[in-house]
């Protein structure tokens, strides 16, 4: 079998030379793309910045105190006691019958 040699047309470079120049022109573009990819990969590899902890409300000098209203009742009177933070603040006694109410001063 006899094959005829392929002869390039006049004025055009051979196909291999044309492709080499095309690949050579793409090398800077590929290099830039590779460098951008490496830079973005480095940025994504970094640990995310931590947000500062939310500022807590300053602790008040007076702790939150519980308020208790206690009522004792028997056959002769009704006693209302007010306690704030476990300390008795006021005691009111309401006798049964026609006697007026009165307050007892806590110590």
PDB file of N, CA and C in Angstrom:
ATOM      1  N   UNK A   1       0.834  -1.165   0.000  1.00  0.00           N
ATOM      2  CA  UNK A   1       0.000   0.000   0.000  1.00  0.00           C
ATOM      3  C   UNK A   1       0.881   1.231   0.000  1.00  0.00           C
ATOM      4  N   UNK A   2       0.481   2.013  -0.818  1.00  0.00           N
ATOM      5  CA  UNK A   2       1.240   3.245  -0.956  1.00  0.00           C
ATOM      6  C   UNK A   2       0.413   4.400  -0.404  1.00  0.00           C
ATOM      7  N   UNK A   3       0.998   5.200   0.470  1.00  0.00           N
ATOM      8  CA  UNK A   3       0.282   6.363   1.029  1.00  0.00           C
ATOM      9  C   UNK A   3       0.928   7.612   0.480  1.00  0.00           C
ATOM     10  N   UNK A   4       0.079   8.523   0.180  1.00  0.00           N
ATOM     11  CA  UNK A   4       0.601   9.796  -0.299  1.00  0.00           C
ATOM     12  C   UNK A   4       0.904  10.666   0.897  1.00  0.00           C
ATOM     13  N   UNK A   5       1.995  11.349   0.888  1.00  0.00           N
ATOM     14  CA  UNK A   5       2.329  12.218   2.018  1.00  0.00           C
ATOM     15  C   UNK A   5       1.410  13.432   2.063  1.00  0.00           C
ATOM     16  N   UNK A   6       1.111  13.853   3.283  1.00  0.00           N
ATOM     17  CA  UNK A   6       0.264  15.032   3.461  1.00  0.00           C
ATOM     18  C   UNK A   6       1.172  16.245   3.434  1.00  0.00           C
ATOM     19  N   UNK A   7       0.869  17.117   2.514  1.00  0.00           N
ATOM     20  CA  UNK A   7       1.680  18.314   2.360  1.00  0.00           C
ATOM     21  C   UNK A   7       0.827  19.495   2.758  1.00  0.00           C
ATOM     22  N   UNK A   8       1.290  20.324   3.709  1.00  0.00           N
ATOM     23  CA  UNK A   8       0.477  21.464   4.109  1.00  0.00           C
ATOM     24  C   UNK A   8       0.351  22.469   2.985  1.00  0.00           C
ATOM     25  N   UNK A   9      -0.754  23.175   3.039  1.00  0.00           N
ATOM     26  CA  UNK A   9      -0.992  24.199   2.023  1.00  0.00           C
ATOM     27  C   UNK A   9      -0.012  25.336   2.217  1.00  0.00           C
ATOM     28  N   UNK A  10       0.227  26.051   1.137  1.00  0.00           N
ATOM     29  CA  UNK A  10       1.157  27.174   1.193  1.00  0.00           C
ATOM     30  C   UNK A  10       0.559  28.304   2.031  1.00  0.00           C
ATOM     31  N   UNK A  11       1.384  28.950   2.845  1.00  0.00           N
ATOM     32  CA  UNK A  11       0.948  30.089   3.637  1.00  0.00           C
ATOM     33  C   UNK A  11       0.423  29.712   5.018  1.00  0.00           C
ATOM     34  N   UNK A  12       0.169  28.472   5.251  1.00  0.00           N
ATOM     35  CA  UNK A  12      -0.312  28.041   6.566  1.00  0.00           C
ATOM     36  C   UNK A  12       0.762  27.194   7.218  1.00  0.00           C
ATOM     37  N   UNK A  13       0.940  27.360   8.524  1.00  0.00           N
ATOM     38  CA  UNK A  13       1.922  26.525   9.191  1.00  0.00           C
ATOM     39  C   UNK A  13       1.403  25.098   9.292  1.00  0.00           C
ATOM     40  N   UNK A  14       2.287  24.154   9.453  1.00  0.00           N
ATOM     41  CA  UNK A  14       1.820  22.773   9.619  1.00  0.00           C
ATOM     42  C   UNK A  14       0.940  22.663  10.858  1.00  0.00           C
ATOM     43  N   UNK A  15       0.015  21.700  10.905  1.00  0.00           N
ATOM     44  CA  UNK A  15      -0.914  21.585  12.023  1.00  0.00           C
ATOM     45  C   UNK A  15      -0.217  21.433  13.372  1.00  0.00           C
ATOM     46  N   UNK A  16       0.843  20.729  13.475  1.00  0.00           N
ATOM     47  CA  UNK A  16       1.522  20.532  14.752  1.00  0.00           C
ATOM     48  C   UNK A  16       2.069  21.854  15.263  1.00  0.00           C
ATOM     49  N   UNK A  17       2.614  22.670  14.395  1.00  0.00           N
ATOM     50  CA  UNK A  17       3.158  23.958  14.812  1.00  0.00           C
ATOM     51  C   UNK A  17       2.038  24.899  15.237  1.00  0.00           C
ATOM     52  N   UNK A  18       0.922  24.824  14.547  1.00  0.00           N
ATOM     53  CA  UNK A  18      -0.213  25.682  14.896  1.00  0.00           C
ATOM     54  C   UNK A  18      -0.721  25.334  16.287  1.00  0.00           C
ATOM     55  N   UNK A  19      -0.863  24.047  16.595  1.00  0.00           N
ATOM     56  CA  UNK A  19      -1.335  23.617  17.898  1.00  0.00           C
ATOM     57  C   UNK A  19      -0.337  23.971  18.994  1.00  0.00           C
ATOM     58  N   UNK A  20       0.931  23.881  18.730  1.00  0.00           N
ATOM     59  CA  UNK A  20       1.942  24.234  19.739  1.00  0.00           C
ATOM     60  C   UNK A  20       1.835  25.698  20.117  1.00  0.00           C
ATOM     61  N   UNK A  21       1.646  26.552  19.112  1.00  0.00           N
ATOM     62  CA  UNK A  21       1.512  27.978  19.427  1.00  0.00           C
ATOM     63  C   UNK A  21       0.225  28.242  20.211  1.00  0.00           C
ATOM     64  N   UNK A  22      -0.828  27.512  19.897  1.00  0.00           N
ATOM     65  CA  UNK A  22      -2.091  27.701  20.619  1.00  0.00           C
ATOM     66  C   UNK A  22      -1.936  27.274  22.072  1.00  0.00           C
ATOM     67  N   UNK A  23      -1.267  26.155  22.294  1.00  0.00           N
ATOM     68  CA  UNK A  23      -1.043  25.691  23.660  1.00  0.00           C
ATOM     69  C   UNK A  23      -0.117  26.638  24.399  1.00  0.00           C
ATOM     70  N   UNK A  24       0.867  27.164  23.718  1.00  0.00           N
ATOM     71  CA  UNK A  24       1.794  28.108  24.344  1.00  0.00           C
ATOM     72  C   UNK A  24       1.070  29.395  24.739  1.00  0.00           C
ATOM     73  N   UNK A  25       0.064  29.792  23.973  1.00  0.00           N
ATOM     74  CA  UNK A  25      -0.697  31.000  24.302  1.00  0.00           C
ATOM     75  C   UNK A  25      -1.594  30.770  25.511  1.00  0.00           C
ATOM     76  N   UNK A  26      -1.999  29.518  25.756  1.00  0.00           N
ATOM     77  CA  UNK A  26      -2.882  29.219  26.882  1.00  0.00           C
ATOM     78  C   UNK A  26      -2.133  29.010  28.196  1.00  0.00           C
ATOM     79  N   UNK A  27      -0.831  28.842  28.165  1.00  0.00           N
ATOM     80  CA  UNK A  27      -0.055  28.580  29.378  1.00  0.00           C
ATOM     81  C   UNK A  27      -0.185  29.715  30.388  1.00  0.00           C
ATOM     82  N   UNK A  28      -0.033  30.994  30.025  1.00  0.00           N
ATOM     83  CA  UNK A  28      -0.193  32.056  31.034  1.00  0.00           C
ATOM     84  C   UNK A  28      -1.608  32.087  31.627  1.00  0.00           C
ATOM     85  N   UNK A  29      -2.613  31.837  30.804  1.00  0.00           N
ATOM     86  CA  UNK A  29      -3.983  31.844  31.308  1.00  0.00           C
ATOM     87  C   UNK A  29      -4.197  30.692  32.291  1.00  0.00           C
ATOM     88  N   UNK A  30      -3.652  29.524  31.973  1.00  0.00           N
ATOM     89  CA  UNK A  30      -3.777  28.385  32.877  1.00  0.00           C
ATOM     90  C   UNK A  30      -3.009  28.615  34.173  1.00  0.00           C
ATOM     91  N   UNK A  31      -1.855  29.244  34.054  1.00  0.00           N
ATOM     92  CA  UNK A  31      -1.053  29.538  35.235  1.00  0.00           C
ATOM     93  C   UNK A  31      -1.793  30.511  36.159  1.00  0.00           C
ATOM     94  N   UNK A  32      -2.402  31.534  35.593  1.00  0.00           N
ATOM     95  CA  UNK A  32      -3.171  32.502  36.400  1.00  0.00           C
ATOM     96  C   UNK A  32      -4.356  31.803  37.065  1.00  0.00           C
ATOM     97  N   UNK A  33      -5.029  30.952  36.312  1.00  0.00           N
ATOM     98  CA  UNK A  33      -6.167  30.220  36.866  1.00  0.00           C
ATOM     99  C   UNK A  33      -5.716  29.306  38.009  1.00  0.00           C
ATOM    100  N   UNK A  34      -4.582  28.649  37.856  1.00  0.00           N
ATOM    101  CA  UNK A  34      -4.057  27.781  38.898  1.00  0.00           C
ATOM    102  C   UNK A  34      -3.701  28.587  40.149  1.00  0.00           C
ATOM    103  N   UNK A  35      -3.065  29.740  39.993  1.00  0.00           N
ATOM    104  CA  UNK A  35      -2.706  30.570  41.143  1.00  0.00           C
ATOM    105  C   UNK A  35      -3.940  31.098  41.872  1.00  0.00           C
ATOM    106  N   UNK A  36      -4.966  31.475  41.113  1.00  0.00           N
ATOM    107  CA  UNK A  36      -6.213  31.928  41.754  1.00  0.00           C
ATOM    108  C   UNK A  36      -6.865  30.798  42.534  1.00  0.00           C
ATOM    109  N   UNK A  37      -6.836  29.606  41.986  1.00  0.00           N
ATOM    110  CA  UNK A  37      -7.400  28.457  42.683  1.00  0.00           C
ATOM    111  C   UNK A  37      -6.654  28.153  43.976  1.00  0.00           C
ATOM    112  N   UNK A  38      -5.324  28.241  43.943  1.00  0.00           N
ATOM    113  CA  UNK A  38      -4.540  27.997  45.155  1.00  0.00           C
ATOM    114  C   UNK A  38      -4.795  29.069  46.208  1.00  0.00           C
ATOM    115  N   UNK A  39      -4.915  30.316  45.768  1.00  0.00           N
ATOM    116  CA  UNK A  39      -5.167  31.396  46.728  1.00  0.00           C
ATOM    117  C   UNK A  39      -6.538  31.236  47.381  1.00  0.00           C
ATOM    118  N   UNK A  40      -7.539  30.862  46.588  1.00  0.00           N
ATOM    119  CA  UNK A  40      -8.869  30.696  47.178  1.00  0.00           C
ATOM    120  C   UNK A  40      -8.920  29.459  48.080  1.00  0.00           C
ATOM    121  N   UNK A  41      -8.170  28.413  47.728  1.00  0.00           N
ATOM    122  CA  UNK A  41      -8.134  27.228  48.583  1.00  0.00           C
ATOM    123  C   UNK A  41      -7.494  27.560  49.926  1.00  0.00           C
ATOM    124  N   UNK A  42      -6.458  28.394  49.904  1.00  0.00           N
ATOM    125  CA  UNK A  42      -5.821  28.795  51.156  1.00  0.00           C
ATOM    126  C   UNK A  42      -6.781  29.617  52.006  1.00  0.00           C
ATOM    127  N   UNK A  43      -7.575  30.450  51.362  1.00  0.00           N
ATOM    128  CA  UNK A  43      -8.530  31.267  52.112  1.00  0.00           C
ATOM    129  C   UNK A  43      -9.619  30.401  52.743  1.00  0.00           C
ATOM    130  N   UNK A  44     -10.070  29.378  52.020  1.00  0.00           N
ATOM    131  CA  UNK A  44     -11.117  28.508  52.564  1.00  0.00           C
ATOM    132  C   UNK A  44     -10.573  27.573  53.638  1.00  0.00           C
ATOM    133  N   UNK A  45      -9.282  27.286  53.609  1.00  0.00           N
ATOM    134  CA  UNK A  45      -8.693  26.379  54.586  1.00  0.00           C
ATOM    135  C   UNK A  45      -8.518  27.025  55.950  1.00  0.00           C
ATOM    136  N   UNK A  46      -8.544  28.341  56.003  1.00  0.00           N
ATOM    137  CA  UNK A  46      -8.377  29.023  57.281  1.00  0.00           C
ATOM    138  C   UNK A  46      -9.598  28.807  58.159  1.00  0.00           C
ATOM    139  N   UNK A  47      -9.365  28.800  59.453  1.00  0.00           N
ATOM    140  CA  UNK A  47     -10.468  28.651  60.408  1.00  0.00           C
ATOM    141  C   UNK A  47     -11.303  29.933  60.392  1.00  0.00           C
ATOM    142  N   UNK A  48     -12.619  29.809  60.499  1.00  0.00           N
ATOM    143  CA  UNK A  48     -13.446  31.015  60.509  1.00  0.00           C
ATOM    144  C   UNK A  48     -13.179  31.841  61.762  1.00  0.00           C
ATOM    145  N   UNK A  49     -13.306  33.125  61.610  1.00  0.00           N
ATOM    146  CA  UNK A  49     -13.092  34.020  62.749  1.00  0.00           C
ATOM    147  C   UNK A  49     -14.197  33.790  63.772  1.00  0.00           C
ATOM    148  N   UNK A  50     -13.813  33.719  65.015  1.00  0.00           N
ATOM    149  CA  UNK A  50     -14.805  33.520  66.081  1.00  0.00           C
ATOM    150  C   UNK A  50     -15.378  34.866  66.492  1.00  0.00           C
ATOM    151  N   UNK A  51     -16.673  34.869  66.673  1.00  0.00           N
ATOM    152  CA  UNK A  51     -17.339  36.082  67.134  1.00  0.00           C
ATOM    153  C   UNK A  51     -17.074  36.248  68.622  1.00  0.00           C
ATOM    154  N   UNK A  52     -16.951  37.488  69.076  1.00  0.00           N
ATOM    155  CA  UNK A  52     -16.746  37.680  70.515  1.00  0.00           C
ATOM    156  C   UNK A  52     -17.987  37.227  71.280  1.00  0.00           C
ATOM    157  N   UNK A  53     -17.760  36.749  72.477  1.00  0.00           N
ATOM    158  CA  UNK A  53     -18.867  36.290  73.309  1.00  0.00           C
ATOM    159  C   UNK A  53     -19.787  37.479  73.604  1.00  0.00           C
ATOM    160  N   UNK A  54     -21.100  37.244  73.616  1.00  0.00           N
ATOM    161  CA  UNK A  54     -22.003  38.355  73.904  1.00  0.00           C
ATOM    162  C   UNK A  54     -21.741  38.909  75.297  1.00  0.00           C
ATOM    163  N   UNK A  55     -21.761  40.207  75.365  1.00  0.00           N
ATOM    164  CA  UNK A  55     -21.497  40.857  76.655  1.00  0.00           C
ATOM    165  C   UNK A  55     -22.639  40.562  77.616  1.00  0.00           C
ATOM    166  N   UNK A  56     -22.271  40.082  78.769  1.00  0.00           N
ATOM    167  CA  UNK A  56     -23.284  39.776  79.764  1.00  0.00           C
ATOM    168  C   UNK A  56     -23.675  41.058  80.482  1.00  0.00           C
ATOM    169  N   UNK A  57     -24.892  41.070  80.952  1.00  0.00           N
ATOM    170  CA  UNK A  57     -25.365  42.240  81.687  1.00  0.00           C
ATOM    171  C   UNK A  57     -24.555  42.355  82.972  1.00  0.00           C
ATOM    172  N   UNK A  58     -24.159  43.550  83.331  1.00  0.00           N
ATOM    173  CA  UNK A  58     -23.380  43.692  84.563  1.00  0.00           C
ATOM    174  C   UNK A  58     -24.200  43.216  85.762  1.00  0.00           C
ATOM    175  N   UNK A  59     -23.547  42.492  86.618  1.00  0.00           N
ATOM    176  CA  UNK A  59     -24.232  41.957  87.793  1.00  0.00           C
ATOM    177  C   UNK A  59     -24.610  43.105  88.719  1.00  0.00           C
ATOM    178  N   UNK A  60     -25.872  43.130  89.076  1.00  0.00           N
ATOM    179  CA  UNK A  60     -26.308  44.188  89.976  1.00  0.00           C
ATOM    180  C   UNK A  60     -25.803  43.887  91.381  1.00  0.00           C
ATOM    181  N   UNK A  61     -25.614  44.920  92.152  1.00  0.00           N
ATOM    182  CA  UNK A  61     -25.091  44.739  93.509  1.00  0.00           C
ATOM    183  C   UNK A  61     -26.131  44.097  94.417  1.00  0.00           C
ATOM    184  N   UNK A  62     -27.413  44.286  94.083  1.00  0.00           N
ATOM    185  CA  UNK A  62     -28.481  43.701  94.886  1.00  0.00           C
ATOM    186  C   UNK A  62     -28.953  42.442  94.167  1.00  0.00           C
ATOM    187  N   UNK A  63     -28.772  41.273  94.766  1.00  0.00           N
ATOM    188  CA  UNK A  63     -29.234  40.057  94.102  1.00  0.00           C
ATOM    189  C   UNK A  63     -30.764  40.053  94.013  1.00  0.00           C
ATOM    190  N   UNK A  64     -31.251  39.343  93.025  1.00  0.00           N
ATOM    191  CA  UNK A  64     -32.703  39.268  92.862  1.00  0.00           C
ATOM    192  C   UNK A  64     -33.285  38.544  94.072  1.00  0.00           C
ATOM    193  N   UNK A  65     -34.241  39.190  94.725  1.00  0.00           N
ATOM    194  CA  UNK A  65     -34.787  38.644  95.960  1.00  0.00           C
ATOM    195  C   UNK A  65     -36.195  38.117  95.716  1.00  0.00           C
ATOM    196  N   UNK A  66     -36.499  37.019  96.390  1.00  0.00           N
ATOM    197  CA  UNK A  66     -37.840  36.459  96.277  1.00  0.00           C
ATOM    198  C   UNK A  66     -38.770  37.170  97.252  1.00  0.00           C
ATOM    199  N   UNK A  67     -39.981  37.351  96.814  1.00  0.00           N
ATOM    200  CA  UNK A  67     -41.003  38.002  97.651  1.00  0.00           C
ATOM    201  C   UNK A  67     -42.031  36.946  98.022  1.00  0.00           C
ATOM    202  N   UNK A  68     -42.299  36.831  99.329  1.00  0.00           N
ATOM    203  CA  UNK A  68     -43.277  35.856  99.826  1.00  0.00           C
ATOM    204  C   UNK A  68     -44.367  36.594 100.608  1.00  0.00           C
ATOM    205  N   UNK A  69     -45.591  36.246 100.308  1.00  0.00           N
ATOM    206  CA  UNK A  69     -46.732  36.760 101.094  1.00  0.00           C
ATOM    207  C   UNK A  69     -47.357  35.545 101.761  1.00  0.00           C
ATOM    208  N   UNK A  70     -47.279  35.528 103.079  1.00  0.00           N
ATOM    209  CA  UNK A  70     -47.743  34.372 103.857  1.00  0.00           C
ATOM    210  C   UNK A  70     -48.963  34.789 104.666  1.00  0.00           C
ATOM    211  N   UNK A  71     -49.991  33.949 104.633  1.00  0.00           N
ATOM    212  CA  UNK A  71     -51.218  34.232 105.391  1.00  0.00           C
ATOM    213  C   UNK A  71     -51.479  33.071 106.350  1.00  0.00           C
ATOM    214  N   UNK A  72     -51.578  33.416 107.643  1.00  0.00           N
ATOM    215  CA  UNK A  72     -51.930  32.448 108.695  1.00  0.00           C
ATOM    216  C   UNK A  72     -53.309  32.842 109.209  1.00  0.00           C
ATOM    217  N   UNK A  73     -54.158  31.882 109.345  1.00  0.00           N
ATOM    218  CA  UNK A  73     -55.508  32.203 109.836  1.00  0.00           C
ATOM    219  C   UNK A  73     -55.937  31.136 110.838  1.00  0.00           C
ATOM    220  N   UNK A  74     -56.531  31.615 111.934  1.00  0.00           N
ATOM    221  CA  UNK A  74     -57.098  30.694 112.916  1.00  0.00           C
ATOM    222  C   UNK A  74     -58.461  31.230 113.326  1.00  0.00           C
ATOM    223  N   UNK A  75     -59.028  30.695 114.362  1.00  0.00           N
ATOM    224  CA  UNK A  75     -60.383  31.081 114.766  1.00  0.00           C
ATOM    225  C   UNK A  75     -60.449  32.516 115.270  1.00  0.00           C
ATOM    226  N   UNK A  76     -59.338  33.089 115.793  1.00  0.00           N
ATOM    227  CA  UNK A  76     -59.391  34.414 116.385  1.00  0.00           C
ATOM    228  C   UNK A  76     -58.834  35.531 115.520  1.00  0.00           C
ATOM    229  N   UNK A  77     -57.986  35.241 114.529  1.00  0.00           N
ATOM    230  CA  UNK A  77     -57.380  36.327 113.735  1.00  0.00           C
ATOM    231  C   UNK A  77     -56.794  35.790 112.427  1.00  0.00           C
ATOM    232  N   UNK A  78     -56.442  36.768 111.571  1.00  0.00           N
ATOM    233  CA  UNK A  78     -55.763  36.468 110.310  1.00  0.00           C
ATOM    234  C   UNK A  78     -54.464  37.270 110.314  1.00  0.00           C
ATOM    235  N   UNK A  79     -53.327  36.623 110.042  1.00  0.00           N
ATOM    236  CA  UNK A  79     -52.024  37.281 110.068  1.00  0.00           C
ATOM    237  C   UNK A  79     -51.431  37.234 108.657  1.00  0.00           C
ATOM    238  N   UNK A  80     -51.114  38.414 108.100  1.00  0.00           N
ATOM    239  CA  UNK A  80     -50.469  38.526 106.796  1.00  0.00           C
ATOM    240  C   UNK A  80     -49.020  38.955 107.010  1.00  0.00           C
ATOM    241  N   UNK A  81     -48.106  38.184 106.454  1.00  0.00           N
ATOM    242  CA  UNK A  81     -46.679  38.462 106.624  1.00  0.00           C
ATOM    243  C   UNK A  81     -46.046  38.663 105.245  1.00  0.00           C
ATOM    244  N   UNK A  82     -45.200  39.687 105.132  1.00  0.00           N
ATOM    245  CA  UNK A  82     -44.475  39.963 103.895  1.00  0.00           C
ATOM    246  C   UNK A  82     -42.995  39.713 104.145  1.00  0.00           C
ATOM    247  N   UNK A  83     -42.412  38.788 103.333  1.00  0.00           N
ATOM    248  CA  UNK A  83     -40.985  38.493 103.434  1.00  0.00           C
ATOM    249  C   UNK A  83     -40.320  38.812 102.101  1.00  0.00           C
ATOM    250  N   UNK A  84     -39.194  39.518 102.176  1.00  0.00           N
ATOM    251  CA  UNK A  84     -38.415  39.837 100.983  1.00  0.00           C
ATOM    252  C   UNK A  84     -37.023  39.251 101.197  1.00  0.00           C
ATOM    253  N   UNK A  85     -36.642  38.311 100.326  1.00  0.00           N
ATOM    254  CA  UNK A  85     -35.342  37.670 100.465  1.00  0.00           C
ATOM    255  C   UNK A  85     -35.211  36.891 101.747  1.00  0.00           C
ATOM    256  N   UNK A  86     -36.303  36.346 102.275  1.00  0.00           N
ATOM    257  CA  UNK A  86     -36.267  35.567 103.502  1.00  0.00           C
ATOM    258  C   UNK A  86     -36.339  36.405 104.768  1.00  0.00           C
ATOM    259  N   UNK A  87     -36.347  37.727 104.631  1.00  0.00           N
ATOM    260  CA  UNK A  87     -36.402  38.611 105.804  1.00  0.00           C
ATOM    261  C   UNK A  87     -37.801  39.208 105.922  1.00  0.00           C
ATOM    262  N   UNK A  88     -38.372  39.144 107.120  1.00  0.00           N
ATOM    263  CA  UNK A  88     -39.716  39.665 107.349  1.00  0.00           C
ATOM    264  C   UNK A  88     -39.697  41.183 107.317  1.00  0.00           C
ATOM    265  N   UNK A  89     -40.560  41.760 106.446  1.00  0.00           N
ATOM    266  CA  UNK A  89     -40.628  43.216 106.313  1.00  0.00           C
ATOM    267  C   UNK A  89     -41.837  43.793 107.060  1.00  0.00           C
ATOM    268  N   UNK A  90     -42.959  43.097 106.997  1.00  0.00           N
ATOM    269  CA  UNK A  90     -44.138  43.610 107.718  1.00  0.00           C
ATOM    270  C   UNK A  90     -45.034  42.459 108.136  1.00  0.00           C
ATOM    271  N   UNK A  91     -45.729  42.691 109.274  1.00  0.00           N
ATOM    272  CA  UNK A  91     -46.710  41.728 109.789  1.00  0.00           C
ATOM    273  C   UNK A  91     -47.973  42.516 110.105  1.00  0.00           C
ATOM    274  N   UNK A  92     -49.075  42.107 109.493  1.00  0.00           N
ATOM    275  CA  UNK A  92     -50.356  42.763 109.735  1.00  0.00           C
ATOM    276  C   UNK A  92     -51.297  41.733 110.351  1.00  0.00           C
ATOM    277  N   UNK A  93     -51.935  42.121 111.466  1.00  0.00           N
ATOM    278  CA  UNK A  93     -52.845  41.220 112.163  1.00  0.00           C
ATOM    279  C   UNK A  93     -54.251  41.800 112.039  1.00  0.00           C
ATOM    280  N   UNK A  94     -55.203  40.968 111.581  1.00  0.00           N
ATOM    281  CA  UNK A  94     -56.607  41.360 111.466  1.00  0.00           C
ATOM    282  C   UNK A  94     -57.404  40.477 112.417  1.00  0.00           C
ATOM    283  N   UNK A  95     -57.758  41.008 113.608  1.00  0.00           N
ATOM    284  CA  UNK A  95     -58.545  40.188 114.533  1.00  0.00           C
ATOM    285  C   UNK A  95     -59.955  39.950 113.981  1.00  0.00           C
ATOM    286  N   UNK A  96     -60.519  38.809 114.311  1.00  0.00           N
ATOM    287  CA  UNK A  96     -61.890  38.530 113.884  1.00  0.00           C
ATOM    288  C   UNK A  96     -62.826  39.290 114.810  1.00  0.00           C
ATOM    289  N   UNK A  97     -63.901  39.735 114.278  1.00  0.00           N
ATOM    290  CA  UNK A  97     -64.835  40.516 115.070  1.00  0.00           C
ATOM    291  C   UNK A  97     -64.726  41.983 114.694  1.00  0.00           C
ATOM    292  N   UNK A  98     -64.988  42.886 115.666  1.00  0.00           N
ATOM    293  CA  UNK A  98     -65.018  44.317 115.385  1.00  0.00           C
ATOM    294  C   UNK A  98     -63.706  45.025 115.684  1.00  0.00           C
ATOM    295  N   UNK A  99     -62.659  44.356 116.071  1.00  0.00           N
ATOM    296  CA  UNK A  99     -61.381  45.000 116.413  1.00  0.00           C
ATOM    297  C   UNK A  99     -60.671  45.459 115.132  1.00  0.00           C
ATOM    298  N   UNK A 100     -60.002  46.621 115.194  1.00  0.00           N
ATOM    299  CA  UNK A 100     -59.289  47.119 114.008  1.00  0.00           C
ATOM    300  C   UNK A 100     -57.980  46.335 113.767  1.00  0.00           C
ATOM    301  N   UNK A 101     -57.509  46.315 112.531  1.00  0.00           N
ATOM    302  CA  UNK A 101     -56.213  45.635 112.265  1.00  0.00           C
ATOM    303  C   UNK A 101     -55.049  46.425 112.828  1.00  0.00           C
ATOM    304  N   UNK A 102     -53.952  45.767 113.098  1.00  0.00           N
ATOM    305  CA  UNK A 102     -52.756  46.441 113.588  1.00  0.00           C
ATOM    306  C   UNK A 102     -51.530  45.762 112.990  1.00  0.00           C
ATOM    307  N   UNK A 103     -50.402  46.485 113.056  1.00  0.00           N
ATOM    308  CA  UNK A 103     -49.159  45.947 112.516  1.00  0.00           C
ATOM    309  C   UNK A 103     -48.168  45.687 113.645  1.00  0.00           C
ATOM    310  N   UNK A 104     -47.390  44.629 113.462  1.00  0.00           N
ATOM    311  CA  UNK A 104     -46.353  44.273 114.415  1.00  0.00           C
ATOM    312  C   UNK A 104     -45.015  44.605 113.747  1.00  0.00           C
ATOM    313  N   UNK A 105     -44.154  45.340 114.452  1.00  0.00           N
ATOM    314  CA  UNK A 105     -42.849  45.689 113.898  1.00  0.00           C
ATOM    315  C   UNK A 105     -41.916  44.508 113.985  1.00  0.00           C
ATOM    316  N   UNK A 106     -41.350  44.048 112.827  1.00  0.00           N
ATOM    317  CA  UNK A 106     -40.397  42.935 112.904  1.00  0.00           C
ATOM    318  C   UNK A 106     -39.057  43.405 113.468  1.00  0.00           C
ATOM    319  N   UNK A 107     -38.295  42.492 114.050  1.00  0.00           N
ATOM    320  CA  UNK A 107     -36.987  42.830 114.634  1.00  0.00           C
ATOM    321  C   UNK A 107     -35.998  43.180 113.567  1.00  0.00           C
TER     322      UNK A 107
END
